[in-house]
Protein backbone atom coordinates (compact mmCIF):
# COMPACT_ATOMS: atom_id res chain seq x y z
CA MET A 1 154.06 16.72 28.34
CA TYR A 2 154.95 17.63 31.30
CA PHE A 3 154.32 21.38 30.51
CA ASN A 4 151.29 21.03 29.90
CA LYS A 5 149.64 19.21 32.74
CA LEU A 6 151.78 22.14 34.46
CA VAL A 7 149.45 24.45 32.84
CA LEU A 8 146.46 22.03 33.33
CA ILE A 9 147.17 22.36 37.31
CA VAL A 10 147.55 25.79 37.35
CA SER A 11 143.81 25.75 35.40
CA VAL A 12 141.98 24.05 38.05
CA ILE A 13 143.31 25.55 41.12
CA SER A 14 142.21 29.07 39.28
CA SER A 15 139.34 27.80 38.65
CA LEU A 16 138.43 26.92 42.12
CA ILE A 17 139.11 29.18 43.49
CA LEU A 18 136.77 31.77 41.97
CA LEU A 19 134.24 29.19 43.10
CA PHE A 20 135.09 29.67 46.86
CA PRO A 21 135.80 33.37 47.25
CA TRP A 22 137.30 33.61 50.48
CA GLN A 23 138.39 37.16 51.71
CA SER A 24 140.66 36.34 53.93
CA GLY A 25 140.26 38.80 57.55
CA SER A 26 136.82 37.87 57.65
CA VAL A 27 135.32 37.16 60.39
CA TYR A 28 131.70 35.25 58.65
CA ALA A 29 131.71 34.16 55.07
CA ASP A 30 128.57 35.89 53.95
CA SER A 31 126.06 32.54 54.49
CA SER A 32 126.83 32.69 58.39
CA ALA A 33 126.94 36.36 59.13
CA PRO A 34 124.43 37.23 62.03
CA PRO A 35 121.21 39.04 60.71
CA SER A 36 121.11 42.53 60.95
CA SER A 37 118.97 44.03 62.57
CA ALA A 38 117.44 45.32 59.71
CA GLN A 39 116.49 41.82 59.71
CA LEU A 40 115.09 41.15 63.02
CA VAL A 41 113.06 43.67 64.03
CA PRO A 42 110.55 46.22 61.42
CA GLN A 43 112.16 49.10 59.16
CA GLN A 44 110.41 51.60 61.39
CA VAL A 45 112.43 50.63 64.20
CA GLN A 46 116.10 50.33 62.89
CA PRO A 47 118.48 51.96 65.38
CA ARG A 48 119.54 55.62 64.83
CA ARG A 49 122.69 54.40 64.23
CA GLU A 50 124.76 52.17 63.12
CA ASP A 51 127.09 50.49 65.95
CA HIS A 52 130.81 49.16 64.26
CA THR A 53 132.62 47.53 65.58
CA ALA A 54 132.54 43.08 64.10
CA PRO A 55 129.48 41.36 65.43
CA PHE A 56 129.53 37.76 67.81
CA PRO A 57 130.74 34.44 65.27
CA VAL A 58 127.57 31.48 65.71
CA ASN A 59 128.43 29.24 65.04
CA PRO A 60 125.46 26.92 66.13
CA THR A 61 127.54 23.53 66.70
CA VAL A 62 128.84 24.08 69.70
CA ARG A 63 127.27 24.44 73.57
CA PRO A 64 128.80 26.25 75.21
CA ASP A 65 129.16 25.74 78.61
CA ASP A 66 128.74 28.61 80.23
CA LEU A 67 124.50 30.04 79.55
CA TRP A 68 125.70 33.49 79.18
CA GLU A 69 127.39 32.76 76.36
CA ARG A 70 124.34 30.53 74.89
CA ILE A 71 122.85 33.54 75.39
CA ARG A 72 125.83 35.95 74.01
CA LEU A 73 125.93 33.41 70.67
CA ASP A 74 122.15 34.28 70.22
CA LEU A 75 121.84 37.81 71.18
CA SER A 76 121.36 40.17 67.90
CA TRP A 77 119.59 44.15 69.15
CA GLN A 78 123.21 45.15 70.65
CA THR A 79 123.87 47.17 67.76
CA MET A 80 120.88 49.29 68.97
CA HIS A 81 121.69 52.71 69.44
CA SER A 82 120.36 55.60 70.91
CA ALA A 83 120.98 58.41 74.24
CA GLU A 84 118.09 56.35 76.37
CA VAL A 85 119.98 53.26 75.77
CA ASP A 86 123.34 54.79 76.17
CA ASP A 87 121.80 56.18 79.98
CA ALA A 88 120.40 52.75 80.38
CA ARG A 89 123.65 51.27 80.30
CA GLU A 90 125.72 53.22 82.25
CA GLU A 91 123.37 52.83 84.86
CA PHE A 92 124.34 49.41 84.96
CA LEU A 93 128.07 50.23 84.83
CA ARG A 94 127.96 51.98 88.07
CA GLN A 95 126.53 48.28 89.84
CA PRO A 96 129.22 46.83 90.01
CA ASN A 97 127.69 43.72 91.85
CA TYR A 98 124.51 43.46 89.84
CA LEU A 99 124.75 40.68 86.83
CA PRO A 100 127.21 38.56 89.24
CA GLU A 101 124.33 38.43 91.83
CA VAL A 102 122.01 38.30 88.61
CA SER A 103 124.25 35.02 88.45
CA ASN A 104 123.70 33.22 91.82
CA ARG A 105 119.91 33.22 91.16
CA ALA A 106 120.12 32.12 87.17
CA ASP A 107 121.70 28.92 88.42
CA TYR A 108 117.82 27.84 89.40
CA TYR A 109 116.30 29.46 86.51
CA LEU A 110 117.20 31.27 83.27
CA TYR A 111 118.49 28.09 81.66
CA TYR A 112 114.45 26.50 81.30
CA ILE A 113 113.99 30.66 80.44
CA VAL A 114 115.99 30.21 77.97
CA GLU A 115 115.04 27.04 76.54
CA GLU A 116 111.64 27.99 76.60
CA VAL A 117 112.63 31.39 74.44
CA GLN A 118 114.50 29.41 71.92
CA LYS A 119 111.87 26.62 71.43
CA ARG A 120 109.23 29.98 70.26
CA ASP A 121 112.53 30.64 68.51
CA MET A 122 111.66 34.68 70.23
CA PRO A 123 114.57 37.22 70.52
CA MET A 124 116.73 35.22 73.23
CA GLU A 125 116.74 39.15 75.01
CA ILE A 126 113.46 37.78 75.72
CA ALA A 127 114.86 35.25 77.32
CA LEU A 128 116.88 38.85 79.27
CA ILE A 129 113.58 39.62 80.38
CA PRO A 130 113.17 38.26 84.28
CA VAL A 131 116.79 40.21 84.71
CA ILE A 132 114.92 43.72 83.84
CA GLU A 133 111.85 43.50 85.83
CA SER A 134 112.22 41.16 89.11
CA SER A 135 116.92 40.56 89.45
CA LEU A 136 115.38 36.79 88.40
CA ASN A 137 114.15 36.55 92.06
CA PRO A 138 110.91 34.86 92.18
CA PHE A 139 109.72 36.34 95.50
CA ALA A 140 109.94 39.92 94.39
CA SER A 141 107.01 41.97 94.47
CA SER A 142 106.66 45.90 93.66
CA PRO A 143 104.82 47.84 95.62
CA SER A 144 101.78 48.27 92.91
CA GLY A 145 101.42 44.18 93.03
CA ALA A 146 103.55 42.84 90.00
CA ALA A 147 105.35 39.51 91.41
CA GLY A 148 107.93 37.17 90.28
CA LEU A 149 110.05 36.69 87.70
CA TRP A 150 108.16 38.49 85.28
CA GLN A 151 106.18 40.64 87.26
CA ILE A 152 103.08 40.24 86.59
CA MET A 153 99.96 41.51 87.96
CA PRO A 154 97.04 40.47 90.13
CA GLU A 155 94.21 41.00 87.44
CA THR A 156 96.45 40.20 83.78
CA GLY A 157 97.67 37.21 86.35
CA ILE A 158 93.78 36.20 86.60
CA HIS A 159 93.55 36.11 83.21
CA LEU A 160 96.18 35.18 81.66
CA GLY A 161 94.81 31.59 84.13
CA LEU A 162 97.43 32.07 86.81
CA GLU A 163 95.76 30.35 89.98
CA GLN A 164 95.99 32.60 92.59
CA ASP A 165 94.77 31.71 96.63
CA SER A 166 96.76 31.31 99.50
CA ARG A 167 98.25 28.67 98.41
CA TYR A 168 99.96 29.43 95.72
CA ASP A 169 100.47 31.99 93.85
CA GLY A 170 101.03 30.76 89.97
CA ARG A 171 103.27 34.52 89.16
CA GLN A 172 105.87 33.80 91.22
CA ALA A 173 105.86 29.47 90.11
CA LEU A 174 109.05 29.49 87.70
CA ARG A 175 106.88 27.48 84.71
CA ASP A 176 103.69 28.70 85.02
CA SER A 177 104.76 32.48 84.40
CA THR A 178 107.85 32.13 82.54
CA THR A 179 104.77 30.14 80.08
CA VAL A 180 101.58 33.03 80.05
CA ALA A 181 104.68 35.43 79.66
CA LEU A 182 105.98 33.99 76.77
CA ASP A 183 102.42 33.32 75.41
CA TYR A 184 101.21 36.96 76.26
CA LEU A 185 104.35 38.43 74.78
CA GLU A 186 104.26 36.57 71.67
CA THR A 187 100.46 37.95 71.58
CA LEU A 188 101.36 41.33 72.20
CA TYR A 189 103.47 40.78 69.10
CA LYS A 190 101.37 40.20 67.10
CA GLU A 191 99.02 42.82 68.07
CA PHE A 192 101.75 45.69 67.60
CA ASP A 193 102.13 44.47 63.24
CA ASP A 194 105.02 42.12 63.98
CA ASP A 195 107.37 45.02 66.13
CA TRP A 196 109.23 43.14 69.06
CA LEU A 197 109.72 46.97 70.05
CA LEU A 198 105.66 47.35 70.51
CA ALA A 199 105.67 44.75 72.38
CA LEU A 200 107.90 45.10 74.75
CA ALA A 201 105.60 48.28 75.05
CA ALA A 202 102.42 47.48 75.38
CA TYR A 203 104.27 44.42 78.28
CA ASN A 204 105.67 47.36 80.98
CA SER A 205 102.68 50.21 79.80
CA GLY A 206 99.58 47.97 79.31
CA ALA A 207 98.50 47.29 75.10
CA GLY A 208 96.03 50.57 75.49
CA ASN A 209 99.00 52.88 76.49
CA VAL A 210 100.62 52.17 73.02
CA THR A 211 97.70 52.01 71.27
CA ARG A 212 96.83 55.52 71.94
CA ALA A 213 100.76 56.87 72.23
CA ARG A 214 100.14 55.78 67.99
CA GLU A 215 96.24 56.40 67.52
CA ALA A 216 98.46 60.20 68.28
CA ASN A 217 100.56 59.74 66.17
CA ALA A 218 99.49 58.88 63.02
CA ALA A 219 96.63 62.11 62.82
CA LYS A 220 99.73 63.82 63.15
CA GLY A 221 101.14 62.82 59.76
CA LEU A 222 103.81 61.28 62.61
CA THR A 223 106.12 57.81 62.52
CA THR A 224 104.41 54.99 65.19
CA ASP A 225 107.75 53.51 65.63
CA TYR A 226 108.71 52.97 68.98
CA TRP A 227 110.90 55.32 68.95
CA SER A 228 108.55 58.08 68.08
CA LEU A 229 105.54 57.71 70.63
CA ASN A 230 105.39 59.77 73.87
CA LEU A 231 104.70 56.58 76.65
CA PRO A 232 104.97 56.59 79.98
CA ARG A 233 108.19 57.68 81.26
CA HIS A 234 110.09 54.39 82.81
CA THR A 235 108.13 52.64 79.84
CA ARG A 236 110.43 54.72 78.04
CA GLU A 237 113.40 53.86 80.08
CA TYR A 238 112.46 50.32 80.26
CA VAL A 239 112.87 48.71 76.13
CA PRO A 240 116.33 51.20 76.47
CA LYS A 241 117.62 49.26 79.26
CA LEU A 242 116.55 45.86 77.94
CA ILE A 243 118.92 47.23 74.46
CA ALA A 244 121.68 48.22 77.59
CA LEU A 245 121.80 44.78 79.08
CA ALA A 246 122.16 43.69 76.04
CA GLN A 247 125.12 44.77 74.77
CA ILE A 248 126.45 44.13 78.27
CA VAL A 249 126.27 40.64 77.91
CA ALA A 250 126.88 39.97 74.60
CA ASP A 251 130.56 42.08 75.47
CA PRO A 252 130.88 42.13 78.94
CA GLY A 253 134.65 42.65 78.06
CA ARG A 254 134.63 45.11 76.43
CA PHE A 255 132.76 46.85 79.49
CA ASP A 256 134.94 45.87 81.80
CA VAL A 257 131.88 44.01 83.88
CA ASP A 258 132.54 39.65 84.98
CA ILE A 259 129.53 37.39 84.82
CA PRO A 260 130.73 34.72 87.23
CA ALA A 261 130.00 31.17 84.78
CA VAL A 262 125.96 29.96 84.69
CA GLU A 263 125.83 26.11 84.35
CA ASN A 264 124.50 25.83 81.18
CA ALA A 265 122.64 22.71 82.22
CA PRO A 266 118.64 21.65 83.38
CA SER A 267 118.67 22.99 87.06
CA PHE A 268 115.59 20.74 87.77
CA GLU A 269 112.86 17.93 87.28
CA VAL A 270 109.78 17.74 87.78
CA ALA A 271 107.28 15.37 90.18
CA ASP A 272 103.87 15.44 90.61
CA THR A 273 102.08 16.98 94.01
CA GLU A 274 98.88 14.83 93.95
CA ARG A 275 99.52 13.85 97.63
CA PRO A 276 100.37 17.54 100.25
CA LEU A 277 103.56 18.02 102.16
CA GLU A 278 105.27 19.60 104.70
CA MET A 279 108.25 22.43 103.09
CA ALA A 280 110.97 20.31 104.82
CA GLN A 281 109.34 17.01 105.12
CA ALA A 282 109.45 16.79 101.14
CA ALA A 283 113.25 18.16 101.32
CA THR A 284 113.88 15.21 102.98
CA LEU A 285 111.68 12.80 101.45
CA ALA A 286 114.96 14.69 98.26
CA GLY A 287 117.25 14.34 99.51
CA VAL A 288 117.89 18.76 99.34
CA ASP A 289 118.03 21.18 101.73
CA ILE A 290 115.29 22.95 101.73
CA ASP A 291 115.75 26.48 100.71
CA THR A 292 116.95 25.18 97.59
CA LEU A 293 113.44 23.20 97.23
CA ARG A 294 111.55 26.83 98.15
CA ALA A 295 113.72 28.57 95.41
CA LEU A 296 112.77 26.55 93.05
CA ASN A 297 109.08 25.98 94.43
CA PRO A 298 108.02 30.21 94.92
CA GLY A 299 104.47 28.85 94.19
CA HIS A 300 103.79 26.89 96.89
CA LEU A 301 103.28 30.14 99.45
CA GLY A 302 104.02 28.98 103.94
CA GLU A 303 105.52 26.20 104.94
CA SER A 304 103.43 23.19 102.90
CA ILE A 305 102.83 21.84 99.58
CA ALA A 306 100.00 21.63 98.06
CA PRO A 307 98.23 20.32 95.75
CA ASN A 308 97.44 23.03 93.26
CA GLN A 309 96.40 23.75 88.80
CA SER A 310 100.09 22.34 87.99
CA GLY A 311 100.04 18.98 90.06
CA GLU A 312 103.49 19.94 90.07
CA ILE A 313 107.26 20.35 92.81
CA LEU A 314 110.41 21.43 91.11
CA LEU A 315 113.12 19.36 92.33
CA PRO A 316 117.19 19.56 92.01
CA VAL A 317 117.61 17.66 89.28
CA GLY A 318 118.50 13.70 89.67
CA THR A 319 116.19 13.77 93.57
CA ARG A 320 112.81 13.71 91.04
CA ASN A 321 113.30 9.20 91.51
CA ARG A 322 114.55 9.06 95.91
CA PHE A 323 111.57 11.16 96.27
CA GLU A 324 109.28 9.53 94.03
CA TYR A 325 110.23 6.06 95.74
CA ASN A 326 110.95 7.32 99.55
CA ILE A 327 107.15 8.85 99.00
CA THR A 328 105.54 5.55 98.87
CA GLN A 329 107.12 4.53 101.44
CA LEU A 330 104.82 6.83 103.85
CA SER A 331 102.43 5.73 105.69
CA PRO A 332 99.01 7.66 105.71
CA GLU A 333 100.22 9.01 108.43
CA GLU A 334 102.54 10.34 108.18
CA LEU A 335 101.20 12.52 105.00
CA VAL A 336 100.41 15.88 106.10
CA GLN A 337 96.81 15.27 105.99
CA TRP A 338 93.58 18.67 106.00
CA GLN A 339 90.41 19.60 105.26
CA THR A 340 89.38 22.26 102.54
CA TYR A 341 86.32 24.72 104.03
CA ARG A 342 84.63 27.04 101.54
CA ILE A 343 85.01 31.00 103.29
CA LYS A 344 81.63 32.14 104.65
CA THR A 345 80.52 35.47 104.27
CA GLY A 346 80.45 36.74 107.60
CA ASP A 347 83.67 33.87 108.85
CA SER A 348 86.33 34.93 111.08
CA LEU A 349 89.47 33.00 111.71
CA ASP A 350 88.95 32.54 115.26
CA TYR A 351 85.20 30.85 114.49
CA ILE A 352 86.81 28.28 112.30
CA ALA A 353 89.65 27.48 113.61
CA ARG A 354 86.86 26.98 117.35
CA LYS A 355 84.80 25.09 114.48
CA PHE A 356 87.61 22.73 113.29
CA ASP A 357 88.93 22.31 116.64
CA THR A 358 92.55 23.89 116.06
CA GLU A 359 94.05 27.77 116.13
CA VAL A 360 94.02 30.45 114.64
CA ALA A 361 97.53 30.72 114.10
CA ALA A 362 98.27 27.02 112.81
CA LEU A 363 94.93 28.40 110.08
CA GLN A 364 97.42 30.67 108.96
CA GLU A 365 101.08 29.24 108.76
CA ALA A 366 99.11 26.99 106.48
CA ASN A 367 97.29 29.07 104.45
CA GLY A 368 100.69 31.72 104.19
CA ILE A 369 97.78 34.29 105.44
CA ARG A 370 99.15 37.45 107.30
CA GLY A 371 96.78 38.84 110.10
CA SER A 372 93.38 37.36 110.19
CA ASN A 373 91.56 39.30 106.74
CA ILE A 374 89.68 36.47 105.04
CA HIS A 375 87.49 36.45 102.55
CA ALA A 376 83.86 34.76 101.35
CA GLY A 377 84.59 32.41 98.37
CA ASP A 378 88.49 31.54 99.16
CA THR A 379 88.58 28.27 100.23
CA LEU A 380 90.64 27.57 103.60
CA LYS A 381 93.66 24.85 103.98
CA ILE A 382 92.15 23.14 107.87
CA PRO A 383 95.20 21.06 108.81
CA GLY A 384 93.57 17.55 110.80
CA ASP A 385 93.64 14.17 111.02
CA THR A 386 90.91 13.68 107.73
CA CYS A 387 90.72 14.42 103.92
CA LEU A 388 86.72 15.75 104.02
CA LEU A 389 86.23 18.69 101.53
CA TYR A 390 83.68 21.23 103.29
CA THR A 391 82.06 23.80 100.44
CA SER A 392 79.88 26.15 101.42
CA ASP A 393 77.06 24.14 101.51
CA ALA A 394 78.24 22.54 104.23
CA ALA A 395 75.82 22.25 107.61
CA ASP A 396 77.09 24.63 110.31
CA GLU A 397 78.07 21.89 113.49
């Protein structure tokens, strides 16, 4: 009887081993392995050679304290390799202070961008685009006129519905610019056959350039994937640069790179801006320093926070209730008040200043104007004691 029981136990254990074939030394069970690049991008944009390093373990139940670690666990393009990617990676590695400097700004902006990318189920590499575009500096601008974290051109911003005037530039605002940039990238992704590399090329160079390059290749019987196209030099370098950055972020130790930790938590709360305020006054009401408030609200130009299209101001986490309570305690006299005036043909700052009994310097400061150029049809903010609305139909005094 004892022998029969022993045989039964051995039989059961053998059956379990057959049912659950554990592999000694494996990083992943088959069901939890991360997607290969073949699963991520269409077949025609496969990496030119495989990276045989072990993939990074993904545990969806773990929420890292470091935002870079959270990003790292969701990256999947780091196995793409080409000579262009290698060159771009070496260029990054020649700048040892680059990612530490980016991390200092990441505290304000990167968590929100990562959240929005994940909500849309986009590749996590998309969250690194502002690092490539602006080094995560919302005040950055290019000689061609692009501005903000996502380096959006003025015409593109108008096309995408971003508010841009002398008081507010949605291209520089974190939430506004991120929303339209991700919308635009999703549109390009669909336009270019669900191919993220082509979508990124179009984001950098314009959809027309990518379409023409693909048509030229197709006419010659050539393949039309990103790697095969004859694109402008900056676009040929753009996608490899993003992939190279993903490689470094995915395994900084391998490249002897130190990336300072960034808290994996929200950096701001949203409050409304129904009432105009001076930037310094808003900082006092919230109990924060003015530099922090400016960093969170780069879309507000000049010294004032004006009501804008989004109708919001971003405040450090934990300060919104204080701000909203304190603002209700202000008397009308303590609030910034202004008139607005729609500029007419032939107007000048000097004329408008005299018309409203103010100074040209006050108009320049209130509206973020450098110099004296103004344009008919634009609206000027006029510092004053009342909040009347003047339009182009208003009678001259």
